[in-house]
N, C-alpha and C. Protein backbone atom coordinates (compact mmCIF):
# COMPACT_ATOMS: atom_id res chain seq x y z
N UNK A 1 -8.21 -17.53 8.14
CA UNK A 1 -7.75 -16.25 7.62
C UNK A 1 -7.57 -16.38 6.10
N UNK A 2 -7.84 -15.33 5.39
CA UNK A 2 -7.74 -15.32 3.95
C UNK A 2 -6.34 -14.87 3.52
N UNK A 3 -5.95 -15.19 2.28
CA UNK A 3 -4.69 -14.71 1.74
C UNK A 3 -3.52 -15.56 2.22
N UNK A 4 -2.31 -15.07 1.94
CA UNK A 4 -1.12 -15.75 2.40
C UNK A 4 -0.19 -14.75 3.03
N UNK A 5 0.83 -15.20 3.68
CA UNK A 5 1.73 -14.34 4.41
C UNK A 5 1.62 -14.65 5.86
N UNK A 6 2.57 -14.12 6.62
CA UNK A 6 2.54 -14.36 8.06
C UNK A 6 3.09 -13.14 8.76
N UNK A 7 2.69 -13.00 9.99
CA UNK A 7 3.23 -11.90 10.79
C UNK A 7 4.55 -12.40 11.36
N UNK A 8 5.65 -11.77 10.99
CA UNK A 8 6.99 -12.17 11.51
C UNK A 8 7.22 -11.61 12.87
N UNK A 9 6.80 -10.40 13.14
CA UNK A 9 7.05 -9.87 14.48
C UNK A 9 7.08 -8.36 14.46
N UNK A 10 7.49 -7.82 15.59
CA UNK A 10 7.57 -6.38 15.78
C UNK A 10 9.01 -6.06 16.01
N UNK A 11 9.52 -5.09 15.26
CA UNK A 11 10.89 -4.62 15.45
C UNK A 11 10.86 -3.34 16.27
N UNK A 12 12.04 -2.77 16.55
CA UNK A 12 12.10 -1.52 17.26
C UNK A 12 11.41 -0.40 16.48
N UNK A 13 11.36 -0.54 15.14
CA UNK A 13 10.74 0.50 14.32
C UNK A 13 9.25 0.24 14.11
N UNK A 14 8.71 -0.87 14.61
CA UNK A 14 7.31 -1.14 14.43
C UNK A 14 7.09 -2.54 13.85
N UNK A 15 5.94 -2.70 13.22
CA UNK A 15 5.54 -3.98 12.68
C UNK A 15 6.40 -4.35 11.49
N UNK A 16 6.75 -5.63 11.41
CA UNK A 16 7.42 -6.14 10.22
C UNK A 16 6.69 -7.41 9.80
N UNK A 17 6.36 -7.52 8.52
CA UNK A 17 5.65 -8.65 7.94
C UNK A 17 6.52 -9.21 6.83
N UNK A 18 6.48 -10.52 6.64
CA UNK A 18 7.22 -11.14 5.56
C UNK A 18 6.56 -12.43 5.14
N UNK A 19 6.73 -12.78 3.84
CA UNK A 19 6.13 -14.03 3.38
C UNK A 19 7.17 -14.91 2.70
N UNK A 20 8.46 -14.61 2.86
CA UNK A 20 9.52 -15.38 2.27
C UNK A 20 10.05 -14.77 0.96
N UNK A 21 9.28 -13.90 0.32
CA UNK A 21 9.66 -13.21 -0.89
C UNK A 21 9.69 -11.72 -0.69
N UNK A 22 8.69 -11.18 -0.03
CA UNK A 22 8.54 -9.76 0.22
C UNK A 22 8.51 -9.53 1.72
N UNK A 23 9.17 -8.44 2.12
CA UNK A 23 9.14 -8.03 3.52
C UNK A 23 8.57 -6.63 3.60
N UNK A 24 7.63 -6.39 4.50
CA UNK A 24 7.04 -5.11 4.73
C UNK A 24 7.49 -4.54 6.06
N UNK A 25 7.80 -3.27 6.09
CA UNK A 25 8.05 -2.58 7.34
C UNK A 25 7.78 -1.10 7.12
N UNK A 26 7.52 -0.36 8.20
CA UNK A 26 7.32 1.11 8.02
C UNK A 26 8.60 1.75 7.43
N UNK A 27 8.37 2.74 6.62
CA UNK A 27 9.52 3.49 6.03
C UNK A 27 10.17 4.33 7.10
N UNK A 28 11.50 4.50 6.93
CA UNK A 28 12.29 5.35 7.83
C UNK A 28 12.92 6.47 6.99
N UNK A 29 13.46 7.44 7.68
CA UNK A 29 14.07 8.58 6.99
C UNK A 29 15.15 8.14 6.03
N UNK A 30 15.92 7.11 6.34
CA UNK A 30 17.00 6.68 5.48
C UNK A 30 16.50 5.92 4.22
N UNK A 31 15.19 5.72 4.11
CA UNK A 31 14.61 5.11 2.91
C UNK A 31 14.20 6.14 1.85
N UNK A 32 14.30 7.43 2.19
CA UNK A 32 13.77 8.49 1.32
C UNK A 32 14.38 8.47 -0.07
N UNK A 33 15.67 8.32 -0.19
CA UNK A 33 16.30 8.33 -1.55
C UNK A 33 15.75 7.19 -2.43
N UNK A 34 15.67 6.02 -1.84
CA UNK A 34 15.18 4.85 -2.62
C UNK A 34 13.70 5.06 -3.01
N UNK A 35 12.92 5.60 -2.07
CA UNK A 35 11.50 5.86 -2.37
C UNK A 35 11.36 6.87 -3.48
N UNK A 36 12.10 7.97 -3.38
CA UNK A 36 12.02 9.02 -4.41
C UNK A 36 12.49 8.50 -5.76
N UNK A 37 13.52 7.68 -5.79
CA UNK A 37 14.05 7.11 -7.06
C UNK A 37 13.02 6.21 -7.70
N UNK A 38 12.12 5.63 -6.93
CA UNK A 38 11.13 4.70 -7.47
C UNK A 38 9.96 5.38 -8.16
N UNK A 39 9.68 6.63 -7.82
CA UNK A 39 8.54 7.32 -8.43
C UNK A 39 8.77 7.51 -9.91
N UNK A 40 7.75 7.24 -10.72
CA UNK A 40 7.84 7.44 -12.15
C UNK A 40 6.53 7.97 -12.70
N UNK A 41 6.48 8.16 -14.01
CA UNK A 41 5.27 8.74 -14.65
C UNK A 41 4.04 7.85 -14.38
N UNK A 42 4.18 6.55 -14.37
CA UNK A 42 3.01 5.68 -14.16
C UNK A 42 2.44 5.82 -12.76
N UNK A 43 3.30 5.93 -11.76
CA UNK A 43 2.83 6.18 -10.39
C UNK A 43 2.15 7.52 -10.30
N UNK A 44 2.81 8.52 -10.86
CA UNK A 44 2.20 9.88 -10.85
C UNK A 44 0.82 9.90 -11.56
N UNK A 45 0.74 9.15 -12.64
CA UNK A 45 -0.52 9.08 -13.40
C UNK A 45 -1.67 8.52 -12.56
N UNK A 46 -1.46 7.35 -12.00
CA UNK A 46 -2.58 6.67 -11.31
C UNK A 46 -2.91 7.31 -9.97
N UNK A 47 -1.90 7.89 -9.29
CA UNK A 47 -2.17 8.59 -8.03
C UNK A 47 -2.52 10.03 -8.25
N UNK A 48 -2.48 10.47 -9.52
CA UNK A 48 -2.81 11.83 -9.94
C UNK A 48 -1.99 12.88 -9.18
N UNK A 49 -0.67 12.61 -9.06
CA UNK A 49 0.25 13.58 -8.48
C UNK A 49 0.38 14.76 -9.45
N UNK A 50 0.32 15.98 -8.96
CA UNK A 50 0.38 17.14 -9.85
C UNK A 50 1.77 17.41 -10.46
N UNK A 51 2.82 16.80 -9.86
CA UNK A 51 4.19 17.04 -10.32
C UNK A 51 5.05 15.96 -9.69
N UNK A 52 6.27 15.81 -10.19
CA UNK A 52 7.19 14.85 -9.55
C UNK A 52 7.44 15.25 -8.09
N UNK A 53 7.58 14.30 -7.23
CA UNK A 53 7.87 14.59 -5.83
C UNK A 53 9.30 15.11 -5.67
N UNK A 54 9.52 15.92 -4.64
CA UNK A 54 10.84 16.40 -4.29
C UNK A 54 11.33 15.60 -3.08
N UNK A 55 12.57 15.73 -2.76
CA UNK A 55 13.11 15.08 -1.54
C UNK A 55 12.34 15.60 -0.33
N UNK A 56 12.04 16.89 -0.27
CA UNK A 56 11.27 17.42 0.85
C UNK A 56 9.89 16.81 0.93
N UNK A 57 9.24 16.55 -0.21
CA UNK A 57 7.96 15.89 -0.21
C UNK A 57 8.03 14.49 0.40
N UNK A 58 9.06 13.72 0.00
CA UNK A 58 9.21 12.36 0.47
C UNK A 58 9.58 12.37 1.97
N UNK A 59 10.50 13.25 2.36
CA UNK A 59 10.85 13.35 3.77
C UNK A 59 9.61 13.67 4.61
N UNK A 60 8.77 14.62 4.13
CA UNK A 60 7.53 14.97 4.85
C UNK A 60 6.55 13.84 4.92
N UNK A 61 6.44 13.09 3.83
CA UNK A 61 5.50 11.94 3.79
C UNK A 61 5.97 10.88 4.76
N UNK A 62 7.26 10.54 4.77
CA UNK A 62 7.77 9.49 5.64
C UNK A 62 7.58 9.95 7.08
N UNK A 63 7.83 11.18 7.41
CA UNK A 63 7.61 11.65 8.77
C UNK A 63 6.13 11.58 9.17
N UNK A 64 5.27 11.95 8.25
CA UNK A 64 3.81 11.87 8.55
C UNK A 64 3.37 10.44 8.77
N UNK A 65 3.88 9.51 7.94
CA UNK A 65 3.56 8.11 8.09
C UNK A 65 4.08 7.58 9.45
N UNK A 66 5.29 7.98 9.81
CA UNK A 66 5.90 7.52 11.06
C UNK A 66 5.07 8.07 12.25
N UNK A 67 4.67 9.29 12.17
CA UNK A 67 3.83 9.90 13.23
C UNK A 67 2.49 9.17 13.33
N UNK A 68 1.89 8.80 12.23
CA UNK A 68 0.64 8.05 12.24
C UNK A 68 0.84 6.69 12.93
N UNK A 69 1.95 6.02 12.64
CA UNK A 69 2.26 4.77 13.33
C UNK A 69 2.38 4.98 14.85
N UNK A 70 3.19 6.02 15.24
CA UNK A 70 3.44 6.26 16.68
C UNK A 70 2.20 6.62 17.41
N UNK A 71 1.33 7.40 16.78
CA UNK A 71 0.13 7.96 17.47
C UNK A 71 -1.14 7.16 17.18
N UNK A 72 -0.98 5.97 16.60
CA UNK A 72 -2.15 5.13 16.23
C UNK A 72 -3.12 5.92 15.36
N UNK A 73 -2.54 6.64 14.41
CA UNK A 73 -3.34 7.46 13.49
C UNK A 73 -3.97 6.59 12.44
N UNK A 74 -4.61 7.19 11.42
CA UNK A 74 -5.42 6.45 10.47
C UNK A 74 -4.58 5.79 9.36
N UNK A 75 -3.28 6.08 9.23
CA UNK A 75 -2.50 5.59 8.13
C UNK A 75 -1.39 4.63 8.60
N UNK A 76 -1.29 3.50 7.90
CA UNK A 76 -0.18 2.53 8.10
C UNK A 76 0.47 2.34 6.74
N UNK A 77 1.62 2.97 6.55
CA UNK A 77 2.32 2.84 5.27
C UNK A 77 3.54 1.93 5.45
N UNK A 78 3.63 0.92 4.63
CA UNK A 78 4.76 -0.01 4.64
C UNK A 78 5.57 0.16 3.37
N UNK A 79 6.88 0.13 3.50
CA UNK A 79 7.71 -0.07 2.35
C UNK A 79 7.76 -1.57 2.07
N UNK A 80 7.95 -1.93 0.80
CA UNK A 80 8.05 -3.37 0.43
C UNK A 80 9.42 -3.65 -0.11
N UNK A 81 10.10 -4.63 0.49
CA UNK A 81 11.45 -5.01 0.10
C UNK A 81 11.47 -6.45 -0.36
N UNK A 82 12.36 -6.78 -1.26
CA UNK A 82 12.59 -8.20 -1.56
C UNK A 82 13.35 -8.82 -0.38
N UNK A 83 13.09 -10.05 -0.08
CA UNK A 83 13.74 -10.68 1.07
C UNK A 83 15.21 -10.96 0.80
N UNK A 84 15.55 -11.48 -0.32
CA UNK A 84 16.93 -11.83 -0.62
C UNK A 84 17.86 -10.70 -0.79
N UNK A 85 17.51 -9.71 -1.64
CA UNK A 85 18.39 -8.62 -1.94
C UNK A 85 18.11 -7.38 -1.11
N UNK A 86 17.06 -7.35 -0.39
CA UNK A 86 16.68 -6.19 0.45
C UNK A 86 16.56 -4.93 -0.38
N UNK A 87 15.96 -5.07 -1.57
CA UNK A 87 15.72 -3.94 -2.48
C UNK A 87 14.32 -3.40 -2.24
N UNK A 88 14.19 -2.07 -2.09
CA UNK A 88 12.90 -1.45 -1.98
C UNK A 88 12.20 -1.50 -3.35
N UNK A 89 11.06 -2.23 -3.39
CA UNK A 89 10.38 -2.41 -4.64
C UNK A 89 9.06 -1.62 -4.75
N UNK A 90 8.63 -1.01 -3.66
CA UNK A 90 7.40 -0.27 -3.66
C UNK A 90 6.84 -0.13 -2.26
N UNK A 91 5.53 -0.03 -2.15
CA UNK A 91 4.91 0.09 -0.84
C UNK A 91 3.43 -0.23 -0.89
N UNK A 92 2.87 -0.35 0.29
CA UNK A 92 1.47 -0.60 0.46
C UNK A 92 0.99 0.22 1.67
N UNK A 93 -0.20 0.80 1.56
CA UNK A 93 -0.72 1.65 2.59
C UNK A 93 -2.10 1.18 3.00
N UNK A 94 -2.38 1.25 4.29
CA UNK A 94 -3.72 1.06 4.84
C UNK A 94 -4.13 2.40 5.41
N UNK A 95 -5.33 2.86 5.01
CA UNK A 95 -5.84 4.15 5.49
C UNK A 95 -7.24 3.91 6.05
N UNK A 96 -7.40 4.09 7.35
CA UNK A 96 -8.69 3.90 7.98
C UNK A 96 -9.54 5.11 7.69
N UNK A 97 -10.78 4.84 7.29
CA UNK A 97 -11.77 5.89 7.07
C UNK A 97 -13.14 5.31 7.35
N UNK A 98 -13.82 5.95 8.27
CA UNK A 98 -15.10 5.42 8.75
C UNK A 98 -14.90 4.03 9.25
N UNK A 99 -15.68 3.05 8.72
CA UNK A 99 -15.57 1.66 9.21
C UNK A 99 -14.67 0.78 8.31
N UNK A 100 -13.86 1.39 7.46
CA UNK A 100 -13.10 0.60 6.51
C UNK A 100 -11.60 0.94 6.55
N UNK A 101 -10.82 0.00 6.08
CA UNK A 101 -9.41 0.21 5.78
C UNK A 101 -9.28 0.20 4.29
N UNK A 102 -8.76 1.27 3.71
CA UNK A 102 -8.57 1.35 2.28
C UNK A 102 -7.10 1.05 1.97
N UNK A 103 -6.89 0.11 1.03
CA UNK A 103 -5.55 -0.33 0.69
C UNK A 103 -5.16 0.32 -0.64
N UNK A 104 -3.95 0.90 -0.67
CA UNK A 104 -3.36 1.35 -1.90
C UNK A 104 -1.95 0.77 -1.99
N UNK A 105 -1.41 0.75 -3.21
CA UNK A 105 -0.13 0.08 -3.40
C UNK A 105 0.54 0.65 -4.66
N UNK A 106 1.84 0.52 -4.64
CA UNK A 106 2.63 0.91 -5.83
C UNK A 106 3.89 0.06 -5.88
N UNK A 107 4.29 -0.26 -7.09
CA UNK A 107 5.52 -1.01 -7.32
C UNK A 107 6.33 -0.18 -8.28
N UNK A 108 7.60 -0.06 -7.99
CA UNK A 108 8.51 0.75 -8.82
C UNK A 108 8.80 0.01 -10.12
N UNK A 109 9.01 0.78 -11.19
CA UNK A 109 9.07 0.26 -12.56
C UNK A 109 9.92 -0.98 -12.75
N UNK A 110 11.14 -1.06 -12.24
CA UNK A 110 11.93 -2.27 -12.53
C UNK A 110 11.41 -3.55 -11.90
N UNK A 111 10.43 -3.40 -10.99
CA UNK A 111 9.97 -4.56 -10.21
C UNK A 111 8.53 -4.93 -10.52
N UNK A 112 7.90 -4.28 -11.45
CA UNK A 112 6.49 -4.57 -11.77
C UNK A 112 6.32 -5.92 -12.44
N UNK A 113 5.10 -6.46 -12.30
CA UNK A 113 4.69 -7.69 -12.96
C UNK A 113 5.46 -8.93 -12.43
N UNK A 114 5.86 -8.87 -11.16
CA UNK A 114 6.53 -10.00 -10.53
C UNK A 114 5.77 -10.53 -9.31
N UNK A 115 4.57 -9.98 -9.08
CA UNK A 115 3.75 -10.45 -7.97
C UNK A 115 4.00 -9.78 -6.64
N UNK A 116 4.88 -8.76 -6.60
CA UNK A 116 5.18 -8.12 -5.36
C UNK A 116 4.00 -7.37 -4.78
N UNK A 117 3.23 -6.68 -5.61
CA UNK A 117 2.06 -5.93 -5.12
C UNK A 117 1.03 -6.90 -4.52
N UNK A 118 0.79 -8.00 -5.18
CA UNK A 118 -0.17 -8.96 -4.65
C UNK A 118 0.27 -9.50 -3.29
N UNK A 119 1.52 -9.82 -3.17
CA UNK A 119 2.04 -10.29 -1.89
C UNK A 119 1.93 -9.23 -0.82
N UNK A 120 2.31 -8.03 -1.14
CA UNK A 120 2.23 -6.91 -0.19
C UNK A 120 0.80 -6.66 0.25
N UNK A 121 -0.15 -6.66 -0.68
CA UNK A 121 -1.55 -6.44 -0.35
C UNK A 121 -2.05 -7.57 0.57
N UNK A 122 -1.73 -8.80 0.26
CA UNK A 122 -2.17 -9.93 1.12
C UNK A 122 -1.67 -9.76 2.55
N UNK A 123 -0.38 -9.36 2.69
CA UNK A 123 0.13 -9.19 4.08
C UNK A 123 -0.49 -7.99 4.76
N UNK A 124 -0.77 -6.90 4.01
CA UNK A 124 -1.43 -5.75 4.62
C UNK A 124 -2.87 -6.11 5.03
N UNK A 125 -3.52 -6.94 4.28
CA UNK A 125 -4.87 -7.41 4.67
C UNK A 125 -4.84 -8.18 5.98
N UNK A 126 -3.85 -9.08 6.10
CA UNK A 126 -3.70 -9.84 7.33
C UNK A 126 -3.48 -8.86 8.50
N UNK A 127 -2.62 -7.91 8.33
CA UNK A 127 -2.37 -6.92 9.36
C UNK A 127 -3.64 -6.19 9.72
N UNK A 128 -4.41 -5.74 8.72
CA UNK A 128 -5.66 -5.03 8.98
C UNK A 128 -6.63 -5.92 9.75
N UNK A 129 -6.76 -7.16 9.32
CA UNK A 129 -7.68 -8.05 10.01
C UNK A 129 -7.32 -8.29 11.48
N UNK A 130 -6.02 -8.32 11.75
CA UNK A 130 -5.58 -8.64 13.09
C UNK A 130 -5.57 -7.45 14.05
N UNK A 131 -5.30 -6.23 13.51
CA UNK A 131 -5.04 -5.17 14.45
C UNK A 131 -5.89 -3.87 14.24
N UNK A 132 -6.53 -3.71 13.10
CA UNK A 132 -7.23 -2.48 12.90
C UNK A 132 -8.72 -2.64 13.24
N UNK A 133 -9.29 -1.62 13.86
CA UNK A 133 -10.71 -1.67 14.23
C UNK A 133 -11.60 -1.25 13.01
N UNK A 134 -11.67 -2.13 12.04
CA UNK A 134 -12.45 -1.84 10.85
C UNK A 134 -13.38 -3.01 10.55
N UNK A 135 -14.45 -2.71 9.85
CA UNK A 135 -15.42 -3.77 9.44
C UNK A 135 -15.20 -4.24 8.04
N UNK A 136 -14.55 -3.39 7.20
CA UNK A 136 -14.36 -3.73 5.78
C UNK A 136 -12.94 -3.37 5.37
N UNK A 137 -12.47 -4.09 4.34
CA UNK A 137 -11.19 -3.73 3.73
C UNK A 137 -11.47 -3.55 2.25
N UNK A 138 -11.03 -2.41 1.72
CA UNK A 138 -11.44 -1.93 0.38
C UNK A 138 -10.22 -1.50 -0.42
N UNK A 139 -10.28 -1.77 -1.72
CA UNK A 139 -9.33 -1.20 -2.67
C UNK A 139 -10.13 -0.35 -3.66
N UNK A 140 -9.65 0.84 -3.92
CA UNK A 140 -10.24 1.72 -4.97
C UNK A 140 -9.22 1.83 -6.09
N UNK A 141 -9.66 1.55 -7.30
CA UNK A 141 -8.75 1.67 -8.45
C UNK A 141 -9.38 2.58 -9.52
N UNK A 142 -8.57 3.19 -10.32
CA UNK A 142 -9.05 3.91 -11.50
C UNK A 142 -9.66 2.88 -12.43
N UNK A 143 -10.79 3.20 -13.04
CA UNK A 143 -11.45 2.23 -13.92
C UNK A 143 -10.58 1.86 -15.13
N UNK A 144 -9.56 2.66 -15.45
CA UNK A 144 -8.70 2.38 -16.57
C UNK A 144 -7.41 1.67 -16.19
N UNK A 145 -7.21 1.46 -14.89
CA UNK A 145 -5.95 0.84 -14.42
C UNK A 145 -6.09 -0.67 -14.31
N UNK A 146 -5.93 -1.36 -15.42
CA UNK A 146 -6.10 -2.81 -15.48
C UNK A 146 -5.08 -3.52 -14.56
N UNK A 147 -3.85 -3.02 -14.49
CA UNK A 147 -2.86 -3.68 -13.64
C UNK A 147 -3.26 -3.65 -12.17
N UNK A 148 -3.76 -2.52 -11.71
CA UNK A 148 -4.18 -2.39 -10.32
C UNK A 148 -5.41 -3.25 -10.04
N UNK A 149 -6.30 -3.36 -10.94
CA UNK A 149 -7.45 -4.21 -10.81
C UNK A 149 -7.01 -5.67 -10.75
N UNK A 150 -6.02 -6.04 -11.55
CA UNK A 150 -5.49 -7.38 -11.51
C UNK A 150 -4.89 -7.72 -10.15
N UNK A 151 -4.20 -6.76 -9.55
CA UNK A 151 -3.66 -6.99 -8.17
C UNK A 151 -4.78 -7.18 -7.20
N UNK A 152 -5.82 -6.37 -7.28
CA UNK A 152 -6.95 -6.49 -6.34
C UNK A 152 -7.58 -7.89 -6.46
N UNK A 153 -7.82 -8.32 -7.68
CA UNK A 153 -8.45 -9.65 -7.87
C UNK A 153 -7.51 -10.77 -7.46
N UNK A 154 -6.23 -10.69 -7.82
CA UNK A 154 -5.29 -11.73 -7.43
C UNK A 154 -5.08 -11.79 -5.93
N UNK A 155 -5.33 -10.69 -5.25
CA UNK A 155 -5.18 -10.65 -3.79
C UNK A 155 -6.39 -11.20 -3.06
N UNK A 156 -7.45 -11.52 -3.81
CA UNK A 156 -8.66 -12.06 -3.22
C UNK A 156 -9.82 -11.10 -3.02
N UNK A 157 -9.67 -9.87 -3.52
CA UNK A 157 -10.76 -8.92 -3.48
C UNK A 157 -11.76 -9.21 -4.59
N UNK A 158 -12.95 -8.73 -4.45
CA UNK A 158 -13.94 -8.88 -5.52
C UNK A 158 -14.49 -7.48 -5.89
N UNK A 159 -14.80 -7.34 -7.16
CA UNK A 159 -15.36 -6.08 -7.65
C UNK A 159 -16.73 -5.88 -7.03
N UNK A 160 -16.93 -4.69 -6.46
CA UNK A 160 -18.18 -4.37 -5.82
C UNK A 160 -18.97 -3.30 -6.57
N UNK A 161 -18.34 -2.60 -7.48
CA UNK A 161 -19.04 -1.56 -8.25
C UNK A 161 -18.27 -0.24 -8.23
N UNK A 162 -18.94 0.84 -8.68
CA UNK A 162 -18.32 2.15 -8.71
C UNK A 162 -18.02 2.62 -7.27
N UNK A 163 -16.88 3.29 -7.11
CA UNK A 163 -16.52 3.88 -5.78
C UNK A 163 -17.36 5.12 -5.57
N UNK A 164 -17.60 5.40 -4.29
CA UNK A 164 -18.31 6.63 -3.92
C UNK A 164 -17.27 7.75 -3.71
N UNK A 165 -17.74 8.98 -3.88
CA UNK A 165 -16.86 10.11 -3.76
C UNK A 165 -16.11 10.25 -2.46
N UNK A 166 -16.70 9.85 -1.36
CA UNK A 166 -15.99 9.95 -0.06
C UNK A 166 -14.88 8.92 0.08
N UNK A 167 -14.79 7.95 -0.84
CA UNK A 167 -13.80 6.89 -0.73
C UNK A 167 -12.46 7.22 -1.42
N UNK A 168 -12.38 8.29 -2.12
CA UNK A 168 -11.14 8.59 -2.84
C UNK A 168 -11.06 10.08 -3.13
N UNK A 169 -9.89 10.52 -3.51
CA UNK A 169 -9.68 11.93 -3.86
C UNK A 169 -9.34 12.12 -5.34
N UNK A 170 -9.23 11.00 -6.10
CA UNK A 170 -8.87 11.10 -7.52
C UNK A 170 -10.08 11.55 -8.31
N UNK A 171 -9.76 12.09 -9.51
CA UNK A 171 -10.78 12.50 -10.47
C UNK A 171 -11.00 11.40 -11.48
N UNK A 172 -12.22 11.19 -11.91
CA UNK A 172 -12.51 10.18 -12.92
C UNK A 172 -13.26 9.00 -12.32
N UNK A 173 -13.58 8.04 -13.19
CA UNK A 173 -14.31 6.87 -12.75
C UNK A 173 -13.40 5.94 -11.96
N UNK A 174 -13.83 5.62 -10.75
CA UNK A 174 -13.09 4.75 -9.85
C UNK A 174 -13.94 3.53 -9.49
N UNK A 175 -13.28 2.39 -9.30
CA UNK A 175 -14.01 1.17 -8.93
C UNK A 175 -13.64 0.73 -7.51
N UNK A 176 -14.62 0.08 -6.85
CA UNK A 176 -14.44 -0.43 -5.49
C UNK A 176 -14.31 -1.94 -5.54
N UNK A 177 -13.28 -2.44 -4.90
CA UNK A 177 -13.06 -3.88 -4.69
C UNK A 177 -13.12 -4.12 -3.18
N UNK A 178 -13.82 -5.17 -2.77
CA UNK A 178 -13.96 -5.43 -1.34
C UNK A 178 -13.36 -6.79 -0.97
N UNK A 179 -13.02 -6.91 0.28
CA UNK A 179 -12.42 -8.13 0.84
C UNK A 179 -13.49 -8.83 1.63
N UNK A 180 -13.58 -10.08 1.62
CA UNK A 180 -13.14 -11.00 0.61
C UNK A 180 -14.15 -11.13 -0.52
C-alpha cells in the first residue's frame, strides 16, 4: 500500500482514521461552529465560493455529508483533527465520480504549512483504496494554487496534465494529479 497512515477503526459515527498526528472522522452537527470559524478568504478563493458560508450552509453541508455516509453515497467528507489537542484543523473529502475518487482538502489558516493536509490526503487515499469501488484516485487543483499542488505531490500523486471539464466545477485552468 502507498502512503502512510493506518486505519484505526470504526466508531459509532463511522470510520475513524489516525496516523499519530492527525485524526480523521466524519463531521457531526456539533462540529459546525469550528468548521464555520475555519473558513477564510483563501478557502473561498480556491473553492470559488460566491460568498462566506453561513451557519445554515455549514449545517446543511454536514447533514448532506452524513447522509452520504449513511446511504453509501458518492461523498466521504472527513474533518481533520490534531491528535493531541483535538483541534479541528480542516478536512478532506473523497467524491466518487465515474470510475474515480476525487480528493479535495482544506486546512484552516492557523494550521497551514504544518503537513496536516498531506497526512489527511494520505489517510483518505488508504480509505479509498480499501473500501471505495474506484479504479483511480485523482486530485484537481487550480493551476495557480502552488500550495495545493505541493500537497498533491507530497502525498504521492503525480501531475497528469490539464483537468477535463467533467472533473471539476471551478472556472479557470485546473490541473489533474493521479495516484500513484
